[in-house]
Amino acid sequence: DTHTATATDTARTILKENAAIQLV
């Protein structure tokens, strides 16, 4: 909810570093 663009960028970055992480 905070900043959607930032949340999606954050998710993308986290998963790029470790694709095995399950993101909710």
mmCIF file of all heavy atoms, coordinates in Angstrom:
data_MODEL
# 
_entry.id   MODEL 
# 
loop_
_atom_site.group_PDB 
_atom_site.id 
_atom_site.type_symbol 
_atom_site.label_atom_id 
_atom_site.label_alt_id 
_atom_site.label_comp_id 
_atom_site.label_asym_id 
_atom_site.label_entity_id 
_atom_site.label_seq_id 
_atom_site.pdbx_PDB_ins_code 
_atom_site.Cartn_x 
_atom_site.Cartn_y 
_atom_site.Cartn_z 
_atom_site.occupancy 
_atom_site.B_iso_or_equiv 
_atom_site.pdbx_formal_charge 
_atom_site.auth_seq_id 
_atom_site.auth_comp_id 
_atom_site.auth_asym_id 
_atom_site.auth_atom_id 
_atom_site.pdbx_PDB_model_num 
ATOM 1   N N   . ASP A 1 1  ? 0.779  -1.247  0.000   1.00 0.00 ? 1  ASP A N   1 
ATOM 2   C CA  . ASP A 1 1  ? 0.000  0.000   0.000   1.00 0.00 ? 1  ASP A CA  1 
ATOM 3   C C   . ASP A 1 1  ? 0.805  1.289   0.000   1.00 0.00 ? 1  ASP A C   1 
ATOM 4   O O   . ASP A 1 1  ? 0.327  2.305   -0.458  1.00 0.00 ? 1  ASP A O   1 
ATOM 5   C CB  . ASP A 1 1  ? -0.942 0.034   1.204   1.00 0.00 ? 1  ASP A CB  1 
ATOM 6   C CG  . ASP A 1 1  ? -2.095 -0.912  1.023   1.00 0.00 ? 1  ASP A CG  1 
ATOM 7   O OD1 . ASP A 1 1  ? -2.402 -1.262  -0.129  1.00 0.00 ? 1  ASP A OD1 1 
ATOM 8   O OD2 . ASP A 1 1  ? -2.671 -1.328  2.034   1.00 0.00 ? 1  ASP A OD2 1 
ATOM 9   N N   . THR A 1 2  ? 1.979  1.281   0.524   1.00 0.00 ? 2  THR A N   1 
ATOM 10  C CA  . THR A 1 2  ? 2.690  2.537   0.686   1.00 0.00 ? 2  THR A CA  1 
ATOM 11  C C   . THR A 1 2  ? 2.918  3.272   -0.619  1.00 0.00 ? 2  THR A C   1 
ATOM 12  O O   . THR A 1 2  ? 2.365  4.306   -0.838  1.00 0.00 ? 2  THR A O   1 
ATOM 13  C CB  . THR A 1 2  ? 4.035  2.305   1.393   1.00 0.00 ? 2  THR A CB  1 
ATOM 14  O OG1 . THR A 1 2  ? 4.302  0.923   1.386   1.00 0.00 ? 2  THR A OG1 1 
ATOM 15  C CG2 . THR A 1 2  ? 4.009  2.786   2.790   1.00 0.00 ? 2  THR A CG2 1 
ATOM 16  N N   . HIS A 1 3  ? 3.739  2.717   -1.459  1.00 0.00 ? 3  HIS A N   1 
ATOM 17  C CA  . HIS A 1 3  ? 3.983  3.304   -2.773  1.00 0.00 ? 3  HIS A CA  1 
ATOM 18  C C   . HIS A 1 3  ? 4.073  2.137   -3.743  1.00 0.00 ? 3  HIS A C   1 
ATOM 19  O O   . HIS A 1 3  ? 5.081  1.454   -3.771  1.00 0.00 ? 3  HIS A O   1 
ATOM 20  C CB  . HIS A 1 3  ? 5.304  4.079   -2.818  1.00 0.00 ? 3  HIS A CB  1 
ATOM 21  C CG  . HIS A 1 3  ? 5.398  5.142   -1.792  1.00 0.00 ? 3  HIS A CG  1 
ATOM 22  N ND1 . HIS A 1 3  ? 5.920  4.925   -0.538  1.00 0.00 ? 3  HIS A ND1 1 
ATOM 23  C CD2 . HIS A 1 3  ? 5.006  6.436   -1.817  1.00 0.00 ? 3  HIS A CD2 1 
ATOM 24  C CE1 . HIS A 1 3  ? 5.872  6.036   0.154   1.00 0.00 ? 3  HIS A CE1 1 
ATOM 25  N NE2 . HIS A 1 3  ? 5.322  6.965   -0.588  1.00 0.00 ? 3  HIS A NE2 1 
ATOM 26  N N   . THR A 1 4  ? 3.037  1.922   -4.503  1.00 0.00 ? 4  THR A N   1 
ATOM 27  C CA  . THR A 1 4  ? 2.973  0.726   -5.340  1.00 0.00 ? 4  THR A CA  1 
ATOM 28  C C   . THR A 1 4  ? 4.187  0.553   -6.237  1.00 0.00 ? 4  THR A C   1 
ATOM 29  O O   . THR A 1 4  ? 4.721  -0.524  -6.341  1.00 0.00 ? 4  THR A O   1 
ATOM 30  C CB  . THR A 1 4  ? 1.703  0.722   -6.202  1.00 0.00 ? 4  THR A CB  1 
ATOM 31  O OG1 . THR A 1 4  ? 0.936  1.866   -5.943  1.00 0.00 ? 4  THR A OG1 1 
ATOM 32  C CG2 . THR A 1 4  ? 0.908  -0.497  -5.945  1.00 0.00 ? 4  THR A CG2 1 
ATOM 33  N N   . ALA A 1 5  ? 4.620  1.613   -6.884  1.00 0.00 ? 5  ALA A N   1 
ATOM 34  C CA  . ALA A 1 5  ? 5.775  1.486   -7.767  1.00 0.00 ? 5  ALA A CA  1 
ATOM 35  C C   . ALA A 1 5  ? 6.989  1.045   -6.966  1.00 0.00 ? 5  ALA A C   1 
ATOM 36  O O   . ALA A 1 5  ? 7.746  0.184   -7.390  1.00 0.00 ? 5  ALA A O   1 
ATOM 37  C CB  . ALA A 1 5  ? 6.046  2.806   -8.475  1.00 0.00 ? 5  ALA A CB  1 
ATOM 38  N N   . THR A 1 6  ? 7.160  1.612   -5.772  1.00 0.00 ? 6  THR A N   1 
ATOM 39  C CA  . THR A 1 6  ? 8.284  1.232   -4.932  1.00 0.00 ? 6  THR A CA  1 
ATOM 40  C C   . THR A 1 6  ? 8.136  -0.203  -4.449  1.00 0.00 ? 6  THR A C   1 
ATOM 41  O O   . THR A 1 6  ? 9.108  -0.948  -4.407  1.00 0.00 ? 6  THR A O   1 
ATOM 42  C CB  . THR A 1 6  ? 8.406  2.185   -3.732  1.00 0.00 ? 6  THR A CB  1 
ATOM 43  O OG1 . THR A 1 6  ? 8.398  3.525   -4.220  1.00 0.00 ? 6  THR A OG1 1 
ATOM 44  C CG2 . THR A 1 6  ? 9.666  1.948   -2.962  1.00 0.00 ? 6  THR A CG2 1 
ATOM 45  N N   . ALA A 1 7  ? 6.942  -0.618  -4.093  1.00 0.00 ? 7  ALA A N   1 
ATOM 46  C CA  . ALA A 1 7  ? 6.712  -1.992  -3.637  1.00 0.00 ? 7  ALA A CA  1 
ATOM 47  C C   . ALA A 1 7  ? 7.024  -2.992  -4.743  1.00 0.00 ? 7  ALA A C   1 
ATOM 48  O O   . ALA A 1 7  ? 7.672  -4.007  -4.504  1.00 0.00 ? 7  ALA A O   1 
ATOM 49  C CB  . ALA A 1 7  ? 5.274  -2.165  -3.151  1.00 0.00 ? 7  ALA A CB  1 
ATOM 50  N N   . THR A 1 8  ? 6.590  -2.698  -5.958  1.00 0.00 ? 8  THR A N   1 
ATOM 51  C CA  . THR A 1 8  ? 6.865  -3.622  -7.056  1.00 0.00 ? 8  THR A CA  1 
ATOM 52  C C   . THR A 1 8  ? 8.352  -3.634  -7.398  1.00 0.00 ? 8  THR A C   1 
ATOM 53  O O   . THR A 1 8  ? 8.910  -4.692  -7.681  1.00 0.00 ? 8  THR A O   1 
ATOM 54  C CB  . THR A 1 8  ? 6.017  -3.301  -8.306  1.00 0.00 ? 8  THR A CB  1 
ATOM 55  O OG1 . THR A 1 8  ? 6.222  -1.941  -8.676  1.00 0.00 ? 8  THR A OG1 1 
ATOM 56  C CG2 . THR A 1 8  ? 4.544  -3.567  -8.055  1.00 0.00 ? 8  THR A CG2 1 
ATOM 57  N N   . ASP A 1 9  ? 9.001  -2.475  -7.355  1.00 0.00 ? 9  ASP A N   1 
ATOM 58  C CA  . ASP A 1 9  ? 10.452 -2.430  -7.591  1.00 0.00 ? 9  ASP A CA  1 
ATOM 59  C C   . ASP A 1 9  ? 11.195 -3.215  -6.518  1.00 0.00 ? 9  ASP A C   1 
ATOM 60  O O   . ASP A 1 9  ? 12.161 -3.922  -6.809  1.00 0.00 ? 9  ASP A O   1 
ATOM 61  C CB  . ASP A 1 9  ? 10.963 -0.987  -7.610  1.00 0.00 ? 9  ASP A CB  1 
ATOM 62  C CG  . ASP A 1 9  ? 10.493 -0.224  -8.839  1.00 0.00 ? 9  ASP A CG  1 
ATOM 63  O OD1 . ASP A 1 9  ? 10.066 -0.867  -9.827  1.00 0.00 ? 9  ASP A OD1 1 
ATOM 64  O OD2 . ASP A 1 9  ? 10.539 1.025   -8.810  1.00 0.00 ? 9  ASP A OD2 1 
ATOM 65  N N   . THR A 1 10 ? 10.753 -3.074  -5.283  1.00 0.00 ? 10 THR A N   1 
ATOM 66  C CA  . THR A 1 10 ? 11.373 -3.803  -4.177  1.00 0.00 ? 10 THR A CA  1 
ATOM 67  C C   . THR A 1 10 ? 11.213 -5.302  -4.381  1.00 0.00 ? 10 THR A C   1 
ATOM 68  O O   . THR A 1 10 ? 12.169 -6.064  -4.237  1.00 0.00 ? 10 THR A O   1 
ATOM 69  C CB  . THR A 1 10 ? 10.748 -3.381  -2.837  1.00 0.00 ? 10 THR A CB  1 
ATOM 70  O OG1 . THR A 1 10 ? 10.919 -1.973  -2.679  1.00 0.00 ? 10 THR A OG1 1 
ATOM 71  C CG2 . THR A 1 10 ? 11.372 -4.112  -1.668  1.00 0.00 ? 10 THR A CG2 1 
ATOM 72  N N   . ALA A 1 11 ? 10.002 -5.726  -4.716  1.00 0.00 ? 11 ALA A N   1 
ATOM 73  C CA  . ALA A 1 11 ? 9.744  -7.149  -4.962  1.00 0.00 ? 11 ALA A CA  1 
ATOM 74  C C   . ALA A 1 11 ? 10.636 -7.666  -6.081  1.00 0.00 ? 11 ALA A C   1 
ATOM 75  O O   . ALA A 1 11 ? 11.265 -8.721  -5.958  1.00 0.00 ? 11 ALA A O   1 
ATOM 76  C CB  . ALA A 1 11 ? 8.274  -7.355  -5.312  1.00 0.00 ? 11 ALA A CB  1 
ATOM 77  N N   . ARG A 1 12 ? 10.704 -6.913  -7.154  1.00 0.00 ? 12 ARG A N   1 
ATOM 78  C CA  . ARG A 1 12 ? 11.519 -7.304  -8.306  1.00 0.00 ? 12 ARG A CA  1 
ATOM 79  C C   . ARG A 1 12 ? 12.989 -7.456  -7.905  1.00 0.00 ? 12 ARG A C   1 
ATOM 80  O O   . ARG A 1 12 ? 13.650 -8.431  -8.268  1.00 0.00 ? 12 ARG A O   1 
ATOM 81  C CB  . ARG A 1 12 ? 11.368 -6.257  -9.415  1.00 0.00 ? 12 ARG A CB  1 
ATOM 82  C CG  . ARG A 1 12 ? 11.794 -6.720  -10.773 1.00 0.00 ? 12 ARG A CG  1 
ATOM 83  C CD  . ARG A 1 12 ? 11.529 -5.679  -11.854 1.00 0.00 ? 12 ARG A CD  1 
ATOM 84  N NE  . ARG A 1 12 ? 10.111 -5.593  -12.214 1.00 0.00 ? 12 ARG A NE  1 
ATOM 85  C CZ  . ARG A 1 12 ? 9.331  -4.540  -11.961 1.00 0.00 ? 12 ARG A CZ  1 
ATOM 86  N NH1 . ARG A 1 12 ? 9.803  -3.467  -11.381 1.00 0.00 ? 12 ARG A NH1 1 
ATOM 87  N NH2 . ARG A 1 12 ? 8.066  -4.546  -12.328 1.00 0.00 ? 12 ARG A NH2 1 
ATOM 88  N N   . THR A 1 13 ? 13.500 -6.518  -7.123  1.00 0.00 ? 13 THR A N   1 
ATOM 89  C CA  . THR A 1 13 ? 14.897 -6.551  -6.684  1.00 0.00 ? 13 THR A CA  1 
ATOM 90  C C   . THR A 1 13 ? 15.167 -7.739  -5.767  1.00 0.00 ? 13 THR A C   1 
ATOM 91  O O   . THR A 1 13 ? 16.160 -8.452  -5.930  1.00 0.00 ? 13 THR A O   1 
ATOM 92  C CB  . THR A 1 13 ? 15.269 -5.231  -5.968  1.00 0.00 ? 13 THR A CB  1 
ATOM 93  O OG1 . THR A 1 13 ? 15.036 -4.144  -6.862  1.00 0.00 ? 13 THR A OG1 1 
ATOM 94  C CG2 . THR A 1 13 ? 16.710 -5.228  -5.515  1.00 0.00 ? 13 THR A CG2 1 
ATOM 95  N N   . ILE A 1 14 ? 14.280 -7.967  -4.810  1.00 0.00 ? 14 ILE A N   1 
ATOM 96  C CA  . ILE A 1 14 ? 14.447 -9.092  -3.874  1.00 0.00 ? 14 ILE A CA  1 
ATOM 97  C C   . ILE A 1 14 ? 14.458 -10.412 -4.635  1.00 0.00 ? 14 ILE A C   1 
ATOM 98  O O   . ILE A 1 14 ? 15.316 -11.267 -4.406  1.00 0.00 ? 14 ILE A O   1 
ATOM 99  C CB  . ILE A 1 14 ? 13.342 -9.072  -2.797  1.00 0.00 ? 14 ILE A CB  1 
ATOM 100 C CG1 . ILE A 1 14 ? 13.581 -7.914  -1.816  1.00 0.00 ? 14 ILE A CG1 1 
ATOM 101 C CG2 . ILE A 1 14 ? 13.279 -10.405 -2.052  1.00 0.00 ? 14 ILE A CG2 1 
ATOM 102 C CD1 . ILE A 1 14 ? 12.449 -7.672  -0.836  1.00 0.00 ? 14 ILE A CD1 1 
ATOM 103 N N   . LEU A 1 15 ? 13.523 -10.571 -5.559  1.00 0.00 ? 15 LEU A N   1 
ATOM 104 C CA  . LEU A 1 15 ? 13.426 -11.836 -6.297  1.00 0.00 ? 15 LEU A CA  1 
ATOM 105 C C   . LEU A 1 15 ? 14.556 -11.999 -7.310  1.00 0.00 ? 15 LEU A C   1 
ATOM 106 O O   . LEU A 1 15 ? 14.939 -13.125 -7.632  1.00 0.00 ? 15 LEU A O   1 
ATOM 107 C CB  . LEU A 1 15 ? 12.065 -11.955 -6.973  1.00 0.00 ? 15 LEU A CB  1 
ATOM 108 C CG  . LEU A 1 15 ? 10.900 -12.082 -5.984  1.00 0.00 ? 15 LEU A CG  1 
ATOM 109 C CD1 . LEU A 1 15 ? 9.571  -12.025 -6.713  1.00 0.00 ? 15 LEU A CD1 1 
ATOM 110 C CD2 . LEU A 1 15 ? 11.028 -13.360 -5.169  1.00 0.00 ? 15 LEU A CD2 1 
ATOM 111 N N   . LYS A 1 16 ? 15.093 -10.893 -7.793  1.00 0.00 ? 16 LYS A N   1 
ATOM 112 C CA  . LYS A 1 16 ? 16.241 -10.976 -8.705  1.00 0.00 ? 16 LYS A CA  1 
ATOM 113 C C   . LYS A 1 16 ? 17.452 -11.517 -7.945  1.00 0.00 ? 16 LYS A C   1 
ATOM 114 O O   . LYS A 1 16 ? 18.231 -12.300 -8.481  1.00 0.00 ? 16 LYS A O   1 
ATOM 115 C CB  . LYS A 1 16 ? 16.544 -9.598  -9.288  1.00 0.00 ? 16 LYS A CB  1 
ATOM 116 C CG  . LYS A 1 16 ? 17.678 -9.598  -10.277 1.00 0.00 ? 16 LYS A CG  1 
ATOM 117 C CD  . LYS A 1 16 ? 17.910 -8.209  -10.841 1.00 0.00 ? 16 LYS A CD  1 
ATOM 118 C CE  . LYS A 1 16 ? 19.091 -8.213  -11.778 1.00 0.00 ? 16 LYS A CE  1 
ATOM 119 N NZ  . LYS A 1 16 ? 19.469 -6.868  -12.164 1.00 0.00 ? 16 LYS A NZ  1 
ATOM 120 N N   . GLU A 1 17 ? 17.586 -11.098 -6.696  1.00 0.00 ? 17 GLU A N   1 
ATOM 121 C CA  . GLU A 1 17 ? 18.701 -11.560 -5.856  1.00 0.00 ? 17 GLU A CA  1 
ATOM 122 C C   . GLU A 1 17 ? 18.524 -13.016 -5.431  1.00 0.00 ? 17 GLU A C   1 
ATOM 123 O O   . GLU A 1 17 ? 19.501 -13.736 -5.294  1.00 0.00 ? 17 GLU A O   1 
ATOM 124 C CB  . GLU A 1 17 ? 18.821 -10.674 -4.602  1.00 0.00 ? 17 GLU A CB  1 
ATOM 125 C CG  . GLU A 1 17 ? 19.161 -9.239  -4.893  1.00 0.00 ? 17 GLU A CG  1 
ATOM 126 C CD  . GLU A 1 17 ? 20.575 -9.075  -5.424  1.00 0.00 ? 17 GLU A CD  1 
ATOM 127 O OE1 . GLU A 1 17 ? 21.482 -9.763  -4.927  1.00 0.00 ? 17 GLU A OE1 1 
ATOM 128 O OE2 . GLU A 1 17 ? 20.759 -8.254  -6.345  1.00 0.00 ? 17 GLU A OE2 1 
ATOM 129 N N   . ASN A 1 18 ? 17.276 -13.438 -5.182  1.00 0.00 ? 18 ASN A N   1 
ATOM 130 C CA  . ASN A 1 18 ? 17.012 -14.802 -4.728  1.00 0.00 ? 18 ASN A CA  1 
ATOM 131 C C   . ASN A 1 18 ? 15.629 -15.228 -5.206  1.00 0.00 ? 18 ASN A C   1 
ATOM 132 O O   . ASN A 1 18 ? 14.616 -14.945 -4.564  1.00 0.00 ? 18 ASN A O   1 
ATOM 133 C CB  . ASN A 1 18 ? 17.103 -14.890 -3.202  1.00 0.00 ? 18 ASN A CB  1 
ATOM 134 C CG  . ASN A 1 18 ? 16.914 -16.302 -2.685  1.00 0.00 ? 18 ASN A CG  1 
ATOM 135 O OD1 . ASN A 1 18 ? 16.504 -17.199 -3.410  1.00 0.00 ? 18 ASN A OD1 1 
ATOM 136 N ND2 . ASN A 1 18 ? 17.219 -16.493 -1.418  1.00 0.00 ? 18 ASN A ND2 1 
ATOM 137 N N   . ALA A 1 19 ? 15.588 -15.924 -6.316  1.00 0.00 ? 19 ALA A N   1 
ATOM 138 C CA  . ALA A 1 19 ? 14.314 -16.330 -6.928  1.00 0.00 ? 19 ALA A CA  1 
ATOM 139 C C   . ALA A 1 19 ? 13.561 -17.376 -6.110  1.00 0.00 ? 19 ALA A C   1 
ATOM 140 O O   . ALA A 1 19 ? 12.377 -17.608 -6.338  1.00 0.00 ? 19 ALA A O   1 
ATOM 141 C CB  . ALA A 1 19 ? 14.561 -16.857 -8.336  1.00 0.00 ? 19 ALA A CB  1 
ATOM 142 N N   . ALA A 1 20 ? 14.231 -18.001 -5.138  1.00 0.00 ? 20 ALA A N   1 
ATOM 143 C CA  . ALA A 1 20 ? 13.573 -19.024 -4.320  1.00 0.00 ? 20 ALA A CA  1 
ATOM 144 C C   . ALA A 1 20 ? 12.687 -18.422 -3.229  1.00 0.00 ? 20 ALA A C   1 
ATOM 145 O O   . ALA A 1 20 ? 11.853 -19.118 -2.657  1.00 0.00 ? 20 ALA A O   1 
ATOM 146 C CB  . ALA A 1 20 ? 14.621 -19.935 -3.689  1.00 0.00 ? 20 ALA A CB  1 
ATOM 147 N N   . ILE A 1 21 ? 12.852 -17.142 -2.951  1.00 0.00 ? 21 ILE A N   1 
ATOM 148 C CA  . ILE A 1 21 ? 12.040 -16.494 -1.925  1.00 0.00 ? 21 ILE A CA  1 
ATOM 149 C C   . ILE A 1 21 ? 10.582 -16.475 -2.369  1.00 0.00 ? 21 ILE A C   1 
ATOM 150 O O   . ILE A 1 21 ? 10.268 -16.189 -3.515  1.00 0.00 ? 21 ILE A O   1 
ATOM 151 C CB  . ILE A 1 21 ? 12.536 -15.051 -1.651  1.00 0.00 ? 21 ILE A CB  1 
ATOM 152 C CG1 . ILE A 1 21 ? 13.864 -15.093 -0.896  1.00 0.00 ? 21 ILE A CG1 1 
ATOM 153 C CG2 . ILE A 1 21 ? 11.501 -14.237 -0.875  1.00 0.00 ? 21 ILE A CG2 1 
ATOM 154 C CD1 . ILE A 1 21 ? 14.491 -13.735 -0.652  1.00 0.00 ? 21 ILE A CD1 1 
ATOM 155 N N   . GLN A 1 22 ? 9.702  -16.798 -1.440  1.00 0.00 ? 22 GLN A N   1 
ATOM 156 C CA  . GLN A 1 22 ? 8.266  -16.719 -1.679  1.00 0.00 ? 22 GLN A CA  1 
ATOM 157 C C   . GLN A 1 22 ? 7.823  -15.344 -1.193  1.00 0.00 ? 22 GLN A C   1 
ATOM 158 O O   . GLN A 1 22 ? 8.038  -15.006 -0.031  1.00 0.00 ? 22 GLN A O   1 
ATOM 159 C CB  . GLN A 1 22 ? 7.542  -17.825 -0.899  1.00 0.00 ? 22 GLN A CB  1 
ATOM 160 C CG  . GLN A 1 22 ? 8.055  -19.220 -1.202  1.00 0.00 ? 22 GLN A CG  1 
ATOM 161 C CD  . GLN A 1 22 ? 7.816  -19.613 -2.637  1.00 0.00 ? 22 GLN A CD  1 
ATOM 162 O OE1 . GLN A 1 22 ? 6.686  -19.762 -3.076  1.00 0.00 ? 22 GLN A OE1 1 
ATOM 163 N NE2 . GLN A 1 22 ? 8.889  -19.782 -3.395  1.00 0.00 ? 22 GLN A NE2 1 
ATOM 164 N N   . LEU A 1 23 ? 7.230  -14.562 -2.071  1.00 0.00 ? 23 LEU A N   1 
ATOM 165 C CA  . LEU A 1 23 ? 6.880  -13.189 -1.741  1.00 0.00 ? 23 LEU A CA  1 
ATOM 166 C C   . LEU A 1 23 ? 5.364  -13.049 -1.595  1.00 0.00 ? 23 LEU A C   1 
ATOM 167 O O   . LEU A 1 23 ? 4.621  -13.471 -2.477  1.00 0.00 ? 23 LEU A O   1 
ATOM 168 C CB  . LEU A 1 23 ? 7.380  -12.243 -2.839  1.00 0.00 ? 23 LEU A CB  1 
ATOM 169 C CG  . LEU A 1 23 ? 7.329  -10.792 -2.426  1.00 0.00 ? 23 LEU A CG  1 
ATOM 170 C CD1 . LEU A 1 23 ? 8.724  -10.318 -2.091  1.00 0.00 ? 23 LEU A CD1 1 
ATOM 171 C CD2 . LEU A 1 23 ? 6.748  -9.960  -3.513  1.00 0.00 ? 23 LEU A CD2 1 
ATOM 172 N N   . VAL A 1 24 ? 4.937  -12.465 -0.486  1.00 0.00 ? 24 VAL A N   1 
ATOM 173 C CA  . VAL A 1 24 ? 3.522  -12.228 -0.212  1.00 0.00 ? 24 VAL A CA  1 
ATOM 174 C C   . VAL A 1 24 ? 3.312  -10.723 -0.089  1.00 0.00 ? 24 VAL A C   1 
ATOM 175 O O   . VAL A 1 24 ? 4.010  -10.063 0.673   1.00 0.00 ? 24 VAL A O   1 
ATOM 176 C CB  . VAL A 1 24 ? 3.074  -12.914 1.102   1.00 0.00 ? 24 VAL A CB  1 
ATOM 177 C CG1 . VAL A 1 24 ? 1.612  -12.613 1.409   1.00 0.00 ? 24 VAL A CG1 1 
ATOM 178 C CG2 . VAL A 1 24 ? 3.321  -14.406 1.051   1.00 0.00 ? 24 VAL A CG2 1 
# 
